[in-house]
């Protein structure tokens, strides 16, 4: 975290307030947890926390999406194929440019909401329930980001399945044929997948970082953050694959309306294709999200660290000038 997060006023402390767990009770005095509150901070500090979250989240999201888009395309085509349909391996970057237009604000919005929500929850939730704060903050961030994520995902997956040639055409024709609600096709299934995914992934990541810091008694470096992010992403991706298959089927059906809703989609898939169909694309999904988690959290933590160091420089300069005057 940057200097704007709650922090422990102990020279030997390695944990920021965002890393609080029950184990820290043995290491830190209780009053240090709430030693800084939003009410005690200058107003711009909270705004800066949100702003830094936007920058870090947007940067991480764009890097991951660009690097791993072909794997995501293959995963989508595997999930969209019914029966023994063949998978086309051409145009694996189809729709990337249009998708980045949505990924940047969605990732920025998620982290921009997640960070301050997490900090606030960690102040009011007991040490031994810090996982609840991470789960809840992840869900809150997911809900906020879904307003941008869902239309982006609909356009992206329609292009990945070669229904449209460009993002502007996809956007225009979807609205023309299905109305504005067409951009939010599968919204319920998207939340069904992404809210648990966001909550679980960020909770696993944060809790593993807490445990690692306590065991190593030092701060984590970039490779360690990346490794923890990869594990959290891969595990969460595997668990939520059935939800992802359902979401994909509902989003790409268009005006044909093959499925009447989430329940009908599940019943139809099980009846026509059998239970294994709900695990379609699990290999590319776990690979994609595992690598993506590594890149995302690695870039996220590095960006937050750079921003924190930049914010410390003015205050250090002011302190030096003050000492010279005295």
C-alpha atoms as a PDB file:
ATOM      1  CA  UNK A   1       0.000   0.000   0.000  1.00  0.00           C
ATOM      2  CA  UNK A   2       1.009   3.599  -0.404  1.00  0.00           C
ATOM      3  CA  UNK A   3       1.517   6.009   2.496  1.00  0.00           C
ATOM      4  CA  UNK A   4      -2.141   6.912   2.341  1.00  0.00           C
ATOM      5  CA  UNK A   5      -3.302   3.575   3.692  1.00  0.00           C
ATOM      6  CA  UNK A   6      -3.695   3.003   7.389  1.00  0.00           C
ATOM      7  CA  UNK A   7      -0.363   2.012   8.848  1.00  0.00           C
ATOM      8  CA  UNK A   8       1.122   0.687  12.046  1.00  0.00           C
ATOM      9  CA  UNK A   9       3.319   3.121  13.947  1.00  0.00           C
ATOM     10  CA  UNK A  10       5.938   0.572  14.863  1.00  0.00           C
ATOM     11  CA  UNK A  11       9.409   0.813  13.410  1.00  0.00           C
ATOM     12  CA  UNK A  12       9.672  -2.966  13.126  1.00  0.00           C
ATOM     13  CA  UNK A  13       6.248  -3.497  11.605  1.00  0.00           C
ATOM     14  CA  UNK A  14       6.089  -5.023   8.133  1.00  0.00           C
ATOM     15  CA  UNK A  15       2.312  -5.042   7.758  1.00  0.00           C
ATOM     16  CA  UNK A  16       0.169  -2.227   6.450  1.00  0.00           C
ATOM     17  CA  UNK A  17      -3.402  -1.970   7.680  1.00  0.00           C
ATOM     18  CA  UNK A  18      -4.529  -3.696   4.509  1.00  0.00           C
ATOM     19  CA  UNK A  19      -2.650  -6.794   5.674  1.00  0.00           C
ATOM     20  CA  UNK A  20      -4.265  -7.156   9.082  1.00  0.00           C
ATOM     21  CA  UNK A  21      -4.980 -10.689  10.334  1.00  0.00           C
ATOM     22  CA  UNK A  22      -5.540 -12.330  13.679  1.00  0.00           C
ATOM     23  CA  UNK A  23      -1.883 -13.316  13.828  1.00  0.00           C
ATOM     24  CA  UNK A  24      -0.841  -9.701  14.111  1.00  0.00           C
ATOM     25  CA  UNK A  25      -2.382  -9.523  17.576  1.00  0.00           C
ATOM     26  CA  UNK A  26       0.737 -11.227  18.867  1.00  0.00           C
ATOM     27  CA  UNK A  27       3.065  -8.816  17.088  1.00  0.00           C
ATOM     28  CA  UNK A  28       1.465  -5.400  17.339  1.00  0.00           C
ATOM     29  CA  UNK A  29      -0.202  -3.285  20.046  1.00  0.00           C
ATOM     30  CA  UNK A  30      -3.917  -3.108  19.615  1.00  0.00           C
ATOM     31  CA  UNK A  31      -4.221   0.669  19.504  1.00  0.00           C
ATOM     32  CA  UNK A  32      -1.913   0.914  16.496  1.00  0.00           C
ATOM     33  CA  UNK A  33      -4.585  -0.593  14.229  1.00  0.00           C
ATOM     34  CA  UNK A  34      -6.808   2.468  14.453  1.00  0.00           C
ATOM     35  CA  UNK A  35      -4.001   4.946  14.954  1.00  0.00           C
ATOM     36  CA  UNK A  36      -4.941   6.747  11.739  1.00  0.00           C
ATOM     37  CA  UNK A  37      -8.476   7.284  10.574  1.00  0.00           C
ATOM     38  CA  UNK A  38     -10.028   8.972   7.568  1.00  0.00           C
ATOM     39  CA  UNK A  39     -11.362  11.635   9.892  1.00  0.00           C
ATOM     40  CA  UNK A  40      -7.810  12.480  10.968  1.00  0.00           C
ATOM     41  CA  UNK A  41      -6.467  12.660   7.434  1.00  0.00           C
ATOM     42  CA  UNK A  42      -6.530  15.588   5.108  1.00  0.00           C
ATOM     43  CA  UNK A  43      -9.458  15.375   2.649  1.00  0.00           C
ATOM     44  CA  UNK A  44      -7.203  14.890  -0.382  1.00  0.00           C
ATOM     45  CA  UNK A  45      -5.648  11.770   1.168  1.00  0.00           C
ATOM     46  CA  UNK A  46      -8.782   9.696   0.626  1.00  0.00           C
ATOM     47  CA  UNK A  47      -9.176  11.090  -2.880  1.00  0.00           C
ATOM     48  CA  UNK A  48      -5.550  10.257  -3.593  1.00  0.00           C
ATOM     49  CA  UNK A  49      -6.089   6.688  -2.407  1.00  0.00           C
ATOM     50  CA  UNK A  50      -8.945   6.311  -4.881  1.00  0.00           C
ATOM     51  CA  UNK A  51      -6.921   8.008  -7.614  1.00  0.00           C
ATOM     52  CA  UNK A  52      -3.932   5.731  -7.054  1.00  0.00           C
ATOM     53  CA  UNK A  53      -6.255   2.735  -7.186  1.00  0.00           C
ATOM     54  CA  UNK A  54      -7.561   3.935 -10.536  1.00  0.00           C
ATOM     55  CA  UNK A  55      -4.061   4.303 -11.971  1.00  0.00           C
ATOM     56  CA  UNK A  56      -2.734   1.002 -10.598  1.00  0.00           C
ATOM     57  CA  UNK A  57      -5.842  -0.967 -11.547  1.00  0.00           C
ATOM     58  CA  UNK A  58      -6.075   0.496 -15.041  1.00  0.00           C
ATOM     59  CA  UNK A  59      -2.399  -0.153 -15.747  1.00  0.00           C
ATOM     60  CA  UNK A  60      -2.544  -3.746 -14.514  1.00  0.00           C
ATOM     61  CA  UNK A  61      -5.777  -4.483 -16.392  1.00  0.00           C
ATOM     62  CA  UNK A  62      -4.492  -3.234 -19.755  1.00  0.00           C
ATOM     63  CA  UNK A  63      -1.189  -5.134 -19.465  1.00  0.00           C
ATOM     64  CA  UNK A  64      -2.943  -8.416 -18.619  1.00  0.00           C
ATOM     65  CA  UNK A  65      -5.614  -8.096 -21.301  1.00  0.00           C
ATOM     66  CA  UNK A  66      -3.118  -7.336 -24.053  1.00  0.00           C
ATOM     67  CA  UNK A  67      -0.738 -10.139 -23.102  1.00  0.00           C
ATOM     68  CA  UNK A  68      -3.312 -12.892 -22.655  1.00  0.00           C
ATOM     69  CA  UNK A  69      -6.096 -11.999 -25.080  1.00  0.00           C
ATOM     70  CA  UNK A  70      -5.427 -14.942 -27.476  1.00  0.00           C
ATOM     71  CA  UNK A  71      -5.853 -17.472 -24.641  1.00  0.00           C
ATOM     72  CA  UNK A  72      -9.117 -15.791 -23.641  1.00  0.00           C
ATOM     73  CA  UNK A  73     -10.325 -15.987 -27.251  1.00  0.00           C
ATOM     74  CA  UNK A  74      -9.623 -19.725 -27.431  1.00  0.00           C
ATOM     75  CA  UNK A  75     -11.398 -20.251 -24.104  1.00  0.00           C
ATOM     76  CA  UNK A  76     -14.459 -18.354 -25.330  1.00  0.00           C
ATOM     77  CA  UNK A  77     -14.633 -20.340 -28.588  1.00  0.00           C
ATOM     78  CA  UNK A  78     -14.324 -23.634 -26.696  1.00  0.00           C
ATOM     79  CA  UNK A  79     -17.193 -22.663 -24.413  1.00  0.00           C
ATOM     80  CA  UNK A  80     -19.339 -21.408 -27.292  1.00  0.00           C
ATOM     81  CA  UNK A  81     -18.923 -24.582 -29.374  1.00  0.00           C
ATOM     82  CA  UNK A  82     -21.888 -26.925 -29.036  1.00  0.00           C
ATOM     83  CA  UNK A  83     -21.478 -30.655 -29.424  1.00  0.00           C
ATOM     84  CA  UNK A  84     -18.453 -31.496 -31.562  1.00  0.00           C
ATOM     85  CA  UNK A  85     -18.033 -28.081 -33.139  1.00  0.00           C
ATOM     86  CA  UNK A  86     -14.538 -27.204 -34.381  1.00  0.00           C
ATOM     87  CA  UNK A  87     -12.491 -24.384 -32.906  1.00  0.00           C
ATOM     88  CA  UNK A  88     -11.159 -21.736 -35.320  1.00  0.00           C
ATOM     89  CA  UNK A  89      -7.667 -20.535 -34.391  1.00  0.00           C
ATOM     90  CA  UNK A  90      -7.606 -17.470 -36.630  1.00  0.00           C
ATOM     91  CA  UNK A  91      -8.217 -13.904 -35.503  1.00  0.00           C
ATOM     92  CA  UNK A  92      -7.192 -14.540 -31.882  1.00  0.00           C
ATOM     93  CA  UNK A  93      -6.764 -10.809 -31.286  1.00  0.00           C
ATOM     94  CA  UNK A  94     -10.182 -10.015 -32.749  1.00  0.00           C
ATOM     95  CA  UNK A  95     -11.833  -7.267 -30.701  1.00  0.00           C
ATOM     96  CA  UNK A  96      -8.797  -6.382 -28.561  1.00  0.00           C
ATOM     97  CA  UNK A  97      -8.780  -2.644 -29.294  1.00  0.00           C
ATOM     98  CA  UNK A  98     -12.454  -2.246 -28.496  1.00  0.00           C
ATOM     99  CA  UNK A  99     -12.059  -4.397 -25.405  1.00  0.00           C
ATOM    100  CA  UNK A 100      -9.234  -2.260 -24.032  1.00  0.00           C
ATOM    101  CA  UNK A 101     -11.552   0.752 -24.186  1.00  0.00           C
ATOM    102  CA  UNK A 102     -13.696  -1.027 -21.603  1.00  0.00           C
ATOM    103  CA  UNK A 103     -10.973  -2.879 -19.676  1.00  0.00           C
ATOM    104  CA  UNK A 104      -9.103   0.296 -18.736  1.00  0.00           C
ATOM    105  CA  UNK A 105     -12.006   2.027 -16.929  1.00  0.00           C
ATOM    106  CA  UNK A 106     -13.396  -1.258 -15.549  1.00  0.00           C
ATOM    107  CA  UNK A 107     -10.083  -2.287 -13.951  1.00  0.00           C
ATOM    108  CA  UNK A 108      -9.474   1.250 -12.738  1.00  0.00           C
ATOM    109  CA  UNK A 109     -12.971   1.435 -11.259  1.00  0.00           C
ATOM    110  CA  UNK A 110     -12.615  -1.933  -9.527  1.00  0.00           C
ATOM    111  CA  UNK A 111      -9.340  -1.154  -7.750  1.00  0.00           C
ATOM    112  CA  UNK A 112     -10.381   2.465  -7.166  1.00  0.00           C
ATOM    113  CA  UNK A 113     -13.410   1.223  -5.224  1.00  0.00           C
ATOM    114  CA  UNK A 114     -11.766  -1.870  -3.694  1.00  0.00           C
ATOM    115  CA  UNK A 115      -8.849  -0.118  -1.988  1.00  0.00           C
ATOM    116  CA  UNK A 116     -10.782   2.494   0.043  1.00  0.00           C
ATOM    117  CA  UNK A 117     -13.566  -0.009   0.808  1.00  0.00           C
ATOM    118  CA  UNK A 118     -10.992  -2.501   2.099  1.00  0.00           C
ATOM    119  CA  UNK A 119      -9.285   0.115   4.249  1.00  0.00           C
ATOM    120  CA  UNK A 120     -12.571   1.254   5.758  1.00  0.00           C
ATOM    121  CA  UNK A 121     -13.738  -2.304   6.477  1.00  0.00           C
ATOM    122  CA  UNK A 122     -10.415  -3.261   8.070  1.00  0.00           C
ATOM    123  CA  UNK A 123     -10.922  -0.446  10.584  1.00  0.00           C
ATOM    124  CA  UNK A 124     -14.316  -1.710  11.756  1.00  0.00           C
ATOM    125  CA  UNK A 125     -13.907  -5.490  11.425  1.00  0.00           C
ATOM    126  CA  UNK A 126     -11.937  -7.462  14.067  1.00  0.00           C
ATOM    127  CA  UNK A 127      -8.413  -8.657  13.279  1.00  0.00           C
ATOM    128  CA  UNK A 128      -9.402 -12.308  13.076  1.00  0.00           C
ATOM    129  CA  UNK A 129     -12.087 -11.537  10.482  1.00  0.00           C
ATOM    130  CA  UNK A 130      -9.903  -9.627   8.022  1.00  0.00           C
ATOM    131  CA  UNK A 131     -10.851 -12.169   5.329  1.00  0.00           C
ATOM    132  CA  UNK A 132     -14.429 -10.889   5.576  1.00  0.00           C
ATOM    133  CA  UNK A 133     -13.185  -7.379   4.792  1.00  0.00           C
ATOM    134  CA  UNK A 134     -11.315  -8.645   1.731  1.00  0.00           C
ATOM    135  CA  UNK A 135     -14.288 -10.707   0.518  1.00  0.00           C
ATOM    136  CA  UNK A 136     -16.719  -7.831   0.986  1.00  0.00           C
ATOM    137  CA  UNK A 137     -14.458  -5.223  -0.597  1.00  0.00           C
ATOM    138  CA  UNK A 138     -13.913  -7.522  -3.587  1.00  0.00           C
ATOM    139  CA  UNK A 139     -17.660  -7.906  -4.076  1.00  0.00           C
ATOM    140  CA  UNK A 140     -18.234  -4.152  -3.788  1.00  0.00           C
ATOM    141  CA  UNK A 141     -15.513  -3.459  -6.329  1.00  0.00           C
ATOM    142  CA  UNK A 142     -16.981  -6.102  -8.631  1.00  0.00           C
ATOM    143  CA  UNK A 143     -20.455  -4.547  -8.535  1.00  0.00           C
ATOM    144  CA  UNK A 144     -19.051  -1.110  -9.401  1.00  0.00           C
ATOM    145  CA  UNK A 145     -16.890  -2.448 -12.237  1.00  0.00           C
ATOM    146  CA  UNK A 146     -19.715  -4.575 -13.684  1.00  0.00           C
ATOM    147  CA  UNK A 147     -21.405  -1.454 -15.054  1.00  0.00           C
ATOM    148  CA  UNK A 148     -18.504  -1.197 -17.519  1.00  0.00           C
ATOM    149  CA  UNK A 149     -17.357  -4.820 -17.625  1.00  0.00           C
ATOM    150  CA  UNK A 150     -20.606  -6.347 -18.888  1.00  0.00           C
ATOM    151  CA  UNK A 151     -21.054  -4.277 -22.086  1.00  0.00           C
ATOM    152  CA  UNK A 152     -17.341  -4.720 -22.763  1.00  0.00           C
ATOM    153  CA  UNK A 153     -17.581  -8.471 -22.266  1.00  0.00           C
ATOM    154  CA  UNK A 154     -20.671  -8.766 -24.492  1.00  0.00           C
ATOM    155  CA  UNK A 155     -19.001  -6.914 -27.380  1.00  0.00           C
ATOM    156  CA  UNK A 156     -15.728  -8.793 -26.894  1.00  0.00           C
ATOM    157  CA  UNK A 157     -17.272 -12.256 -26.894  1.00  0.00           C
ATOM    158  CA  UNK A 158     -19.499 -11.535 -29.890  1.00  0.00           C
ATOM    159  CA  UNK A 159     -16.369 -10.528 -31.800  1.00  0.00           C
ATOM    160  CA  UNK A 160     -14.346 -13.484 -30.529  1.00  0.00           C
ATOM    161  CA  UNK A 161     -17.044 -15.795 -31.901  1.00  0.00           C
ATOM    162  CA  UNK A 162     -16.818 -13.872 -35.214  1.00  0.00           C
ATOM    163  CA  UNK A 163     -20.322 -12.422 -35.141  1.00  0.00           C
ATOM    164  CA  UNK A 164     -19.047  -8.900 -35.900  1.00  0.00           C
ATOM    165  CA  UNK A 165     -16.020  -7.432 -37.686  1.00  0.00           C
ATOM    166  CA  UNK A 166     -15.355  -4.455 -35.414  1.00  0.00           C
ATOM    167  CA  UNK A 167     -16.247  -3.133 -31.969  1.00  0.00           C
ATOM    168  CA  UNK A 168     -18.178  -0.078 -33.281  1.00  0.00           C
ATOM    169  CA  UNK A 169     -20.232  -2.332 -35.598  1.00  0.00           C
ATOM    170  CA  UNK A 170     -20.888  -4.750 -32.748  1.00  0.00           C
ATOM    171  CA  UNK A 171     -22.004  -1.957 -30.447  1.00  0.00           C
ATOM    172  CA  UNK A 172     -24.263  -0.357 -33.057  1.00  0.00           C
ATOM    173  CA  UNK A 173     -25.887  -3.589 -34.264  1.00  0.00           C
ATOM    174  CA  UNK A 174     -26.433  -5.014 -30.787  1.00  0.00           C
ATOM    175  CA  UNK A 175     -28.266  -1.857 -29.735  1.00  0.00           C
ATOM    176  CA  UNK A 176     -30.216  -1.780 -33.018  1.00  0.00           C
ATOM    177  CA  UNK A 177     -31.352  -5.430 -32.855  1.00  0.00           C
ATOM    178  CA  UNK A 178     -31.620  -6.035 -29.120  1.00  0.00           C
ATOM    179  CA  UNK A 179     -31.920  -2.589 -27.639  1.00  0.00           C
ATOM    180  CA  UNK A 180     -29.708  -1.112 -24.927  1.00  0.00           C
ATOM    181  CA  UNK A 181     -30.446  -4.137 -22.735  1.00  0.00           C
ATOM    182  CA  UNK A 182     -28.587  -6.264 -25.296  1.00  0.00           C
ATOM    183  CA  UNK A 183     -25.356  -4.768 -23.987  1.00  0.00           C
ATOM    184  CA  UNK A 184     -26.207  -6.243 -20.596  1.00  0.00           C
ATOM    185  CA  UNK A 185     -27.134  -9.702 -21.861  1.00  0.00           C
ATOM    186  CA  UNK A 186     -26.196 -12.262 -19.241  1.00  0.00           C
ATOM    187  CA  UNK A 187     -25.803  -9.592 -16.551  1.00  0.00           C
ATOM    188  CA  UNK A 188     -27.194 -11.888 -13.868  1.00  0.00           C
ATOM    189  CA  UNK A 189     -24.866 -14.740 -14.807  1.00  0.00           C
ATOM    190  CA  UNK A 190     -21.983 -12.285 -15.047  1.00  0.00           C
ATOM    191  CA  UNK A 191     -22.554 -11.197 -11.450  1.00  0.00           C
ATOM    192  CA  UNK A 192     -23.045 -14.834 -10.470  1.00  0.00           C
ATOM    193  CA  UNK A 193     -19.558 -15.541 -11.815  1.00  0.00           C
ATOM    194  CA  UNK A 194     -17.653 -12.337 -11.188  1.00  0.00           C
ATOM    195  CA  UNK A 195     -18.784 -11.387  -7.686  1.00  0.00           C
ATOM    196  CA  UNK A 196     -17.672 -14.735  -6.207  1.00  0.00           C
ATOM    197  CA  UNK A 197     -14.574 -14.647  -8.425  1.00  0.00           C
ATOM    198  CA  UNK A 198     -13.502 -11.146  -7.385  1.00  0.00           C
ATOM    199  CA  UNK A 199     -14.254 -11.772  -3.721  1.00  0.00           C
ATOM    200  CA  UNK A 200     -12.497 -15.167  -3.585  1.00  0.00           C
ATOM    201  CA  UNK A 201      -9.480 -14.185  -5.668  1.00  0.00           C
ATOM    202  CA  UNK A 202      -8.695 -11.016  -3.758  1.00  0.00           C
ATOM    203  CA  UNK A 203      -9.364 -12.699  -0.417  1.00  0.00           C
ATOM    204  CA  UNK A 204      -6.994 -15.594  -1.218  1.00  0.00           C
ATOM    205  CA  UNK A 205      -4.374 -13.157  -2.472  1.00  0.00           C
ATOM    206  CA  UNK A 206      -4.572 -10.829   0.529  1.00  0.00           C
ATOM    207  CA  UNK A 207      -4.608 -13.659   3.086  1.00  0.00           C
ATOM    208  CA  UNK A 208      -1.639 -15.413   1.463  1.00  0.00           C
ATOM    209  CA  UNK A 209       0.305 -12.150   1.516  1.00  0.00           C
ATOM    210  CA  UNK A 210      -0.473 -11.738   5.215  1.00  0.00           C
ATOM    211  CA  UNK A 211       0.724 -15.244   6.012  1.00  0.00           C
ATOM    212  CA  UNK A 212       3.848 -14.915   3.860  1.00  0.00           C
ATOM    213  CA  UNK A 213       4.805 -11.599   5.444  1.00  0.00           C
ATOM    214  CA  UNK A 214       4.388 -12.976   8.937  1.00  0.00           C
ATOM    215  CA  UNK A 215       6.435 -16.073   8.105  1.00  0.00           C
ATOM    216  CA  UNK A 216       9.212 -14.231   6.269  1.00  0.00           C
ATOM    217  CA  UNK A 217       9.112 -11.200   8.617  1.00  0.00           C
ATOM    218  CA  UNK A 218       9.816  -8.887   5.699  1.00  0.00           C
ATOM    219  CA  UNK A 219       8.004  -7.184   2.861  1.00  0.00           C
ATOM    220  CA  UNK A 220       7.279  -9.126  -0.340  1.00  0.00           C
ATOM    221  CA  UNK A 221       9.243  -8.552  -3.535  1.00  0.00           C
ATOM    222  CA  UNK A 222       7.777  -8.439  -7.046  1.00  0.00           C
ATOM    223  CA  UNK A 223       8.287 -12.145  -7.944  1.00  0.00           C
ATOM    224  CA  UNK A 224       6.649 -13.205  -4.669  1.00  0.00           C
ATOM    225  CA  UNK A 225       3.626 -10.960  -5.261  1.00  0.00           C
ATOM    226  CA  UNK A 226       3.367 -12.371  -8.775  1.00  0.00           C
ATOM    227  CA  UNK A 227       3.575 -15.994  -7.571  1.00  0.00           C
ATOM    228  CA  UNK A 228       0.857 -15.469  -4.978  1.00  0.00           C
ATOM    229  CA  UNK A 229      -1.293 -13.731  -7.583  1.00  0.00           C
ATOM    230  CA  UNK A 230      -0.847 -16.650  -9.993  1.00  0.00           C
ATOM    231  CA  UNK A 231      -1.931 -19.199  -7.392  1.00  0.00           C
ATOM    232  CA  UNK A 232      -4.938 -17.153  -6.302  1.00  0.00           C
ATOM    233  CA  UNK A 233      -6.017 -16.599  -9.917  1.00  0.00           C
ATOM    234  CA  UNK A 234      -5.609 -20.204 -11.060  1.00  0.00           C
ATOM    235  CA  UNK A 235      -7.455 -21.647  -8.080  1.00  0.00           C
ATOM    236  CA  UNK A 236     -10.327 -19.182  -8.343  1.00  0.00           C
ATOM    237  CA  UNK A 237     -10.522 -19.654 -12.113  1.00  0.00           C
ATOM    238  CA  UNK A 238     -10.910 -23.423 -11.774  1.00  0.00           C
ATOM    239  CA  UNK A 239     -13.606 -23.114  -9.098  1.00  0.00           C
ATOM    240  CA  UNK A 240     -15.699 -20.667 -11.130  1.00  0.00           C
ATOM    241  CA  UNK A 241     -15.428 -22.353 -14.571  1.00  0.00           C
ATOM    242  CA  UNK A 242     -19.047 -23.659 -14.617  1.00  0.00           C
ATOM    243  CA  UNK A 243     -20.281 -20.131 -13.886  1.00  0.00           C
ATOM    244  CA  UNK A 244     -18.108 -18.823 -16.719  1.00  0.00           C
ATOM    245  CA  UNK A 245     -19.563 -21.347 -19.201  1.00  0.00           C
ATOM    246  CA  UNK A 246     -23.103 -20.285 -18.280  1.00  0.00           C
ATOM    247  CA  UNK A 247     -22.211 -16.615 -18.581  1.00  0.00           C
ATOM    248  CA  UNK A 248     -20.612 -17.146 -22.006  1.00  0.00           C
ATOM    249  CA  UNK A 249     -23.614 -19.052 -23.402  1.00  0.00           C
ATOM    250  CA  UNK A 250     -26.049 -16.366 -22.249  1.00  0.00           C
ATOM    251  CA  UNK A 251     -23.941 -13.485 -23.555  1.00  0.00           C
ATOM    252  CA  UNK A 252     -23.363 -14.847 -27.063  1.00  0.00           C
ATOM    253  CA  UNK A 253     -26.883 -16.102 -27.775  1.00  0.00           C
ATOM    254  CA  UNK A 254     -27.988 -12.703 -29.100  1.00  0.00           C
ATOM    255  CA  UNK A 255     -31.572 -12.247 -30.239  1.00  0.00           C
ATOM    256  CA  UNK A 256     -31.988 -16.002 -30.810  1.00  0.00           C
ATOM    257  CA  UNK A 257     -32.714 -16.430 -27.079  1.00  0.00           C
ATOM    258  CA  UNK A 258     -31.786 -20.101 -26.938  1.00  0.00           C
ATOM    259  CA  UNK A 259     -31.905 -19.919 -23.156  1.00  0.00           C
ATOM    260  CA  UNK A 260     -34.611 -18.326 -21.023  1.00  0.00           C
ATOM    261  CA  UNK A 261     -32.311 -17.635 -18.119  1.00  0.00           C
ATOM    262  CA  UNK A 262     -29.599 -19.056 -15.889  1.00  0.00           C
ATOM    263  CA  UNK A 263     -31.585 -22.087 -14.714  1.00  0.00           C
ATOM    264  CA  UNK A 264     -32.790 -22.955 -18.220  1.00  0.00           C
ATOM    265  CA  UNK A 265     -29.237 -22.574 -19.540  1.00  0.00           C
ATOM    266  CA  UNK A 266     -27.878 -25.026 -16.964  1.00  0.00           C
ATOM    267  CA  UNK A 267     -30.688 -27.520 -17.600  1.00  0.00           C
ATOM    268  CA  UNK A 268     -30.253 -27.330 -21.381  1.00  0.00           C
ATOM    269  CA  UNK A 269     -26.481 -27.812 -21.209  1.00  0.00           C
ATOM    270  CA  UNK A 270     -26.824 -30.794 -18.857  1.00  0.00           C
ATOM    271  CA  UNK A 271     -29.575 -32.367 -20.959  1.00  0.00           C
ATOM    272  CA  UNK A 272     -27.978 -31.889 -24.391  1.00  0.00           C
ATOM    273  CA  UNK A 273     -24.250 -32.060 -23.612  1.00  0.00           C
ATOM    274  CA  UNK A 274     -23.879 -33.593 -20.178  1.00  0.00           C
ATOM    275  CA  UNK A 275     -22.096 -32.349 -17.002  1.00  0.00           C
ATOM    276  CA  UNK A 276     -18.595 -32.211 -18.590  1.00  0.00           C
ATOM    277  CA  UNK A 277     -19.816 -29.327 -20.771  1.00  0.00           C
ATOM    278  CA  UNK A 278     -19.875 -27.110 -17.673  1.00  0.00           C
ATOM    279  CA  UNK A 279     -16.099 -27.488 -17.482  1.00  0.00           C
ATOM    280  CA  UNK A 280     -15.458 -26.546 -21.113  1.00  0.00           C
ATOM    281  CA  UNK A 281     -12.439 -24.299 -21.472  1.00  0.00           C
ATOM    282  CA  UNK A 282     -11.153 -24.992 -17.948  1.00  0.00           C
ATOM    283  CA  UNK A 283      -7.605 -25.554 -19.214  1.00  0.00           C
ATOM    284  CA  UNK A 284      -7.239 -22.243 -21.083  1.00  0.00           C
ATOM    285  CA  UNK A 285      -9.193 -20.480 -18.322  1.00  0.00           C
ATOM    286  CA  UNK A 286      -6.907 -21.663 -15.510  1.00  0.00           C
ATOM    287  CA  UNK A 287      -3.821 -20.931 -17.638  1.00  0.00           C
ATOM    288  CA  UNK A 288      -5.139 -17.518 -18.652  1.00  0.00           C
ATOM    289  CA  UNK A 289      -6.233 -16.420 -15.180  1.00  0.00           C
ATOM    290  CA  UNK A 290      -3.203 -17.959 -13.480  1.00  0.00           C
ATOM    291  CA  UNK A 291      -0.776 -16.064 -15.701  1.00  0.00           C
ATOM    292  CA  UNK A 292      -3.102 -13.077 -15.616  1.00  0.00           C
ATOM    293  CA  UNK A 293      -3.144 -13.106 -11.820  1.00  0.00           C
ATOM    294  CA  UNK A 294       0.633 -13.163 -11.788  1.00  0.00           C
ATOM    295  CA  UNK A 295       0.889 -10.182 -14.147  1.00  0.00           C
ATOM    296  CA  UNK A 296      -2.045  -8.254 -12.664  1.00  0.00           C
ATOM    297  CA  UNK A 297      -0.994  -8.417  -9.022  1.00  0.00           C
ATOM    298  CA  UNK A 298       2.677  -7.999  -9.887  1.00  0.00           C
ATOM    299  CA  UNK A 299       1.984  -4.841 -11.908  1.00  0.00           C
ATOM    300  CA  UNK A 300      -0.601  -3.651  -9.364  1.00  0.00           C
ATOM    301  CA  UNK A 301       1.765  -3.846  -6.380  1.00  0.00           C
ATOM    302  CA  UNK A 302       4.674  -2.357  -8.336  1.00  0.00           C
ATOM    303  CA  UNK A 303       2.524   0.557  -9.553  1.00  0.00           C
ATOM    304  CA  UNK A 304       1.212   1.227  -6.050  1.00  0.00           C
ATOM    305  CA  UNK A 305       4.775   1.175  -4.714  1.00  0.00           C
ATOM    306  CA  UNK A 306       5.984   3.637  -7.363  1.00  0.00           C
ATOM    307  CA  UNK A 307       3.074   5.977  -6.640  1.00  0.00           C
ATOM    308  CA  UNK A 308       3.725   5.732  -2.899  1.00  0.00           C
ATOM    309  CA  UNK A 309       7.405   6.596  -3.362  1.00  0.00           C
ATOM    310  CA  UNK A 310       6.499   9.583  -5.535  1.00  0.00           C
ATOM    311  CA  UNK A 311       4.135  10.842  -2.853  1.00  0.00           C
ATOM    312  CA  UNK A 312       6.818  10.501  -0.175  1.00  0.00           C
ATOM    313  CA  UNK A 313       9.338  12.630  -2.050  1.00  0.00           C
ATOM    314  CA  UNK A 314       7.612  16.023  -1.558  1.00  0.00           C
ATOM    315  CA  UNK A 315       7.127  15.387   2.177  1.00  0.00           C
ATOM    316  CA  UNK A 316      10.764  14.292   2.594  1.00  0.00           C
ATOM    317  CA  UNK A 317      11.912  17.416   0.771  1.00  0.00           C
ATOM    318  CA  UNK A 318       9.762  19.613   3.014  1.00  0.00           C
ATOM    319  CA  UNK A 319      11.160  17.903   6.126  1.00  0.00           C
ATOM    320  CA  UNK A 320      14.723  18.505   4.941  1.00  0.00           C
ATOM    321  CA  UNK A 321      14.021  22.172   4.277  1.00  0.00           C
ATOM    322  CA  UNK A 322      12.427  22.527   7.720  1.00  0.00           C
ATOM    323  CA  UNK A 323      15.505  21.035   9.437  1.00  0.00           C
ATOM    324  CA  UNK A 324      17.791  23.395   7.520  1.00  0.00           C
ATOM    325  CA  UNK A 325      15.805  26.408   8.725  1.00  0.00           C
ATOM    326  CA  UNK A 326      16.204  25.299  12.340  1.00  0.00           C
END
